[in-house]
Protein backbone atom coordinates (compact mmCIF):
# COMPACT_ATOMS: atom_id res chain seq x y z
CA MET A 1 -2.72 -11.14 -0.41
CA ASN A 2 -2.38 -13.69 -3.23
CA GLU A 3 -1.48 -11.41 -6.12
CA GLU A 4 2.00 -11.82 -7.57
CA PRO A 5 3.95 -8.54 -7.62
CA VAL A 6 4.22 -6.99 -11.08
CA VAL A 7 6.86 -4.63 -12.42
CA TYR A 8 5.18 -2.34 -14.94
CA MET A 9 7.51 -0.79 -17.51
CA VAL A 10 6.65 2.24 -19.65
CA ASP A 11 9.12 3.33 -22.33
CA ASP A 12 8.74 4.14 -26.03
CA ASP A 13 12.04 2.43 -26.87
CA PRO A 14 11.53 -1.32 -27.62
CA ALA A 15 15.19 -2.05 -26.91
CA ILE A 16 14.93 -0.53 -23.43
CA LEU A 17 11.75 -2.48 -22.74
CA ARG A 18 13.48 -5.73 -23.75
CA LEU A 19 16.43 -4.92 -21.49
CA LEU A 20 14.11 -4.07 -18.60
CA ALA A 21 12.15 -7.28 -19.10
CA GLU A 22 15.37 -9.31 -18.96
CA LEU A 23 16.49 -7.57 -15.77
CA VAL A 24 13.12 -8.05 -14.10
CA ALA A 25 13.04 -11.74 -15.08
CA ALA A 26 16.56 -12.17 -13.70
CA ILE A 27 15.42 -11.09 -10.23
CA GLY A 28 12.40 -13.39 -10.37
CA LEU A 29 9.63 -10.85 -10.86
CA LYS A 30 6.79 -10.65 -13.35
CA ALA A 31 6.94 -7.81 -15.91
CA GLU A 32 4.42 -6.01 -18.09
CA ALA A 33 5.64 -3.64 -20.83
CA TYR A 34 3.88 -0.61 -22.33
CA ARG A 35 4.97 1.77 -25.07
CA SER A 36 3.08 4.79 -23.72
CA ALA A 37 1.46 6.17 -20.60
CA GLU A 38 -1.92 6.03 -22.35
CA GLU A 39 -1.48 2.31 -23.02
CA PHE A 40 -0.51 1.72 -19.40
CA LEU A 41 -3.45 3.70 -18.00
CA GLU A 42 -5.89 1.80 -20.19
CA ALA A 43 -4.62 -1.56 -18.92
CA TYR A 44 -3.70 -0.84 -15.29
CA GLN A 45 -6.30 -1.98 -12.76
CA ALA A 46 -4.17 -1.97 -9.57
CA PRO A 47 -4.80 -5.70 -8.95
CA GLY A 48 -1.92 -6.11 -6.52
CA PRO A 49 1.51 -4.91 -5.42
CA GLY A 50 4.39 -4.01 -7.67
CA CYS A 51 6.21 -0.98 -9.02
CA LEU A 52 6.41 1.16 -12.13
CA VAL A 53 9.63 1.71 -14.07
CA LEU A 54 8.90 4.84 -16.04
CA ASP A 55 10.72 6.86 -18.69
CA VAL A 56 10.44 10.58 -18.01
CA ARG A 57 10.20 11.68 -21.64
CA ILE A 58 7.72 9.62 -23.64
CA PRO A 59 5.37 10.78 -26.43
CA GLY A 60 1.90 11.86 -25.33
CA ILE A 61 1.43 11.86 -21.58
CA SER A 62 4.90 12.34 -20.07
CA GLY A 63 6.30 10.22 -17.28
CA MET A 64 6.03 13.11 -14.84
CA GLU A 65 2.39 13.69 -15.78
CA LEU A 66 1.64 9.97 -15.41
CA GLN A 67 3.07 10.06 -11.88
CA ARG A 68 0.86 13.08 -11.09
CA ARG A 69 -2.23 11.31 -12.44
CA LEU A 70 -1.58 8.17 -10.46
CA ILE A 71 -1.17 10.17 -7.26
CA ALA A 72 -4.35 12.15 -7.99
CA ALA A 73 -6.21 8.86 -8.45
CA GLY A 74 -5.06 7.70 -5.02
CA SER A 75 -2.53 5.17 -6.30
CA THR A 76 0.44 4.33 -4.08
CA LEU A 77 2.26 2.35 -6.78
CA PRO A 78 5.97 3.17 -6.28
CA VAL A 79 7.70 4.71 -9.30
CA VAL A 80 11.31 4.34 -10.43
CA PHE A 81 12.13 6.89 -13.13
CA VAL A 82 14.71 6.39 -15.86
CA THR A 83 15.71 9.17 -18.23
CA GLY A 84 18.15 9.94 -21.00
CA HIS A 85 17.94 13.64 -20.21
CA ALA A 86 19.07 14.38 -16.67
CA ASP A 87 17.30 17.34 -15.10
CA VAL A 88 17.98 18.15 -11.46
CA ARG A 89 14.77 20.16 -11.02
CA MET A 90 12.71 17.35 -12.52
CA ALA A 91 14.44 14.75 -10.36
CA VAL A 92 13.79 16.75 -7.20
CA GLU A 93 10.14 17.22 -8.16
CA ALA A 94 9.69 13.51 -8.81
CA MET A 95 11.37 12.52 -5.54
CA ASP A 96 9.31 15.07 -3.62
CA ARG A 97 6.21 13.30 -4.91
CA GLY A 98 7.50 9.98 -3.61
CA ALA A 99 9.45 8.47 -6.51
CA PHE A 100 11.67 5.57 -5.42
CA GLY A 101 14.48 6.52 -7.73
CA PHE A 102 15.55 8.69 -10.65
CA LEU A 103 18.21 7.01 -12.80
CA GLU A 104 19.94 8.39 -15.86
CA LYS A 105 20.37 6.25 -19.01
CA PRO A 106 22.52 4.34 -19.52
CA PHE A 107 21.74 3.08 -16.03
CA ARG A 108 23.71 0.46 -14.16
CA PRO A 109 21.64 -2.77 -14.22
CA GLN A 110 22.41 -3.63 -10.60
CA GLU A 111 21.38 -0.18 -9.39
CA LEU A 112 18.07 -0.43 -11.23
CA CYS A 113 17.46 -3.95 -9.91
CA ASP A 114 18.12 -2.76 -6.36
CA LYS A 115 15.64 0.10 -6.81
CA ILE A 116 13.00 -2.23 -8.25
CA GLN A 117 13.40 -4.77 -5.45
CA ALA A 118 13.21 -2.06 -2.78
CA ALA A 119 10.10 -0.57 -4.37
CA VAL A 120 8.37 -3.95 -4.68
CA LYS A 121 9.25 -4.88 -1.10
CA TRP A 122 7.78 -1.58 0.15
CA ASP A 123 4.58 -2.06 -1.87
CA VAL A 124 4.11 -5.68 -0.77
CA GLU A 125 4.37 -4.59 2.87
CA ALA A 126 1.94 -1.73 2.23
CA TRP A 127 -0.56 -4.15 0.67
CA HIS A 128 -0.26 -6.49 3.66
CA CYS A 129 -0.93 -3.58 6.04
CA ARG A 130 -3.98 -2.46 4.06
CA GLU A 131 -5.36 -6.01 4.04
CA GLU A 132 -4.82 -6.33 7.78
CA ARG A 133 -6.64 -3.03 8.38
CA ALA A 134 -9.55 -4.13 6.21
CA MET A 135 -9.81 -7.47 8.03
CA ALA A 136 -9.61 -5.80 11.45
CA ALA A 137 -12.24 -3.22 10.52
CA GLY A 138 -14.48 -6.00 9.24
CA ARG A 139 -14.19 -7.93 12.50
CA LEU A 140 -14.93 -4.87 14.64
CA ALA A 141 -17.93 -4.10 12.40
CA GLN A 142 -19.47 -7.39 13.59
CA LEU A 143 -20.02 -5.91 17.06
CA THR A 144 -23.40 -4.57 18.08
CA PRO A 145 -23.57 -0.82 18.88
CA ALA A 146 -23.69 -1.65 22.60
CA GLU A 147 -20.68 -3.96 22.35
CA ARG A 148 -18.76 -1.37 20.34
CA LYS A 149 -19.28 1.26 23.07
CA VAL A 150 -17.83 -1.14 25.61
CA ALA A 151 -14.96 -2.12 23.29
CA ASP A 152 -14.05 1.51 22.62
CA ARG A 153 -13.72 2.15 26.34
CA LEU A 154 -11.77 -1.03 26.97
CA LEU A 155 -9.31 0.12 24.35
CA ILE A 156 -8.48 3.28 26.28
CA GLY A 157 -7.93 1.36 29.50
CA LYS A 158 -11.22 1.85 31.33
CA THR A 159 -12.33 -0.76 33.84
CA ASN A 160 -15.71 -2.49 33.87
CA LYS A 161 -16.77 -0.27 36.77
CA MET A 162 -15.76 2.92 34.95
CA ILE A 163 -17.56 1.80 31.79
CA ALA A 164 -20.69 0.95 33.75
CA GLN A 165 -20.74 4.39 35.36
CA GLU A 166 -20.11 6.18 32.07
CA LEU A 167 -22.77 4.28 30.13
CA GLY A 168 -25.30 4.11 32.96
CA LEU A 169 -25.22 0.32 33.06
CA SER A 170 -24.77 -2.27 35.76
CA ILE A 171 -21.36 -3.86 36.11
CA ARG A 172 -22.96 -7.22 35.36
CA THR A 173 -24.31 -5.89 32.05
CA VAL A 174 -20.90 -4.52 31.10
CA GLU A 175 -19.29 -7.84 32.00
CA ALA A 176 -21.81 -9.67 29.83
CA GLN A 177 -21.25 -7.33 26.88
CA ARG A 178 -17.50 -7.61 27.32
CA ALA A 179 -17.68 -11.40 27.30
CA SER A 180 -19.98 -11.31 24.28
CA LEU A 181 -17.75 -9.01 22.21
CA MET A 182 -14.62 -10.98 23.07
CA GLU A 183 -16.33 -14.21 22.02
CA ARG A 184 -17.62 -12.62 18.82
CA LEU A 185 -14.10 -11.47 17.95
CA GLY A 186 -12.52 -14.77 19.00
CA MET A 187 -10.31 -13.10 21.60
CA ARG A 188 -9.30 -13.90 25.14
CA SER A 189 -7.75 -10.69 26.45
CA ARG A 190 -7.75 -6.92 26.15
CA THR A 191 -4.22 -7.19 24.75
CA GLU A 192 -5.55 -9.11 21.76
CA LEU A 193 -8.28 -6.49 21.33
CA LEU A 194 -5.66 -3.72 21.39
CA LYS A 195 -3.65 -5.53 18.72
CA LEU A 196 -6.73 -5.84 16.51
CA ALA A 197 -7.58 -2.17 16.90
CA GLY A 198 -3.95 -1.19 16.28
CA ALA A 199 -4.08 -2.91 12.88
CA ILE A 200 -6.58 -0.27 11.73
CA THR A 201 -4.15 2.59 12.33
CA PRO A 202 -3.26 4.00 8.89
CA LEU A 203 0.29 3.88 7.52
């Protein structure tokens, strides 16, 4: 993952956006500001990790609706809500959908910075995990169908003899396929194979 984390900020108040930009710069992160949810949606391409600092009540598409749309589109971008109109029901709804925070204006700068840093850290780790899964799946996809059958059985602890009996092969053939798949994957032991397969397990 080479993309620099980005803190996206959506608020219709220019003064709030300037304050947010200053806070984000102070903690060493890149920021992008938008005056509306529509403007954000038009520009956002999910290029890398980050988080979204989002005002609940903005003209047009509301902050709550933007969160719903992102989730419906499969986005995992963490959201930190800020609002000048506290609403317990709204806060509970947002948190139930995975929001990282729900802060009332005027918010405490340090509290917001802590929420942003936690959200970015979570998203960076999630991106790393997704990249590892993609790389692991790509490596396993290099195996031939015959090698994959052997690999699948090695992963659940079966011996060469058991695999040979199950697949109707000679032990020598299984040994050859095992050696071939391990070489193709650049591995020396079943433990390394287990680690590779474990990287594909979803979050």
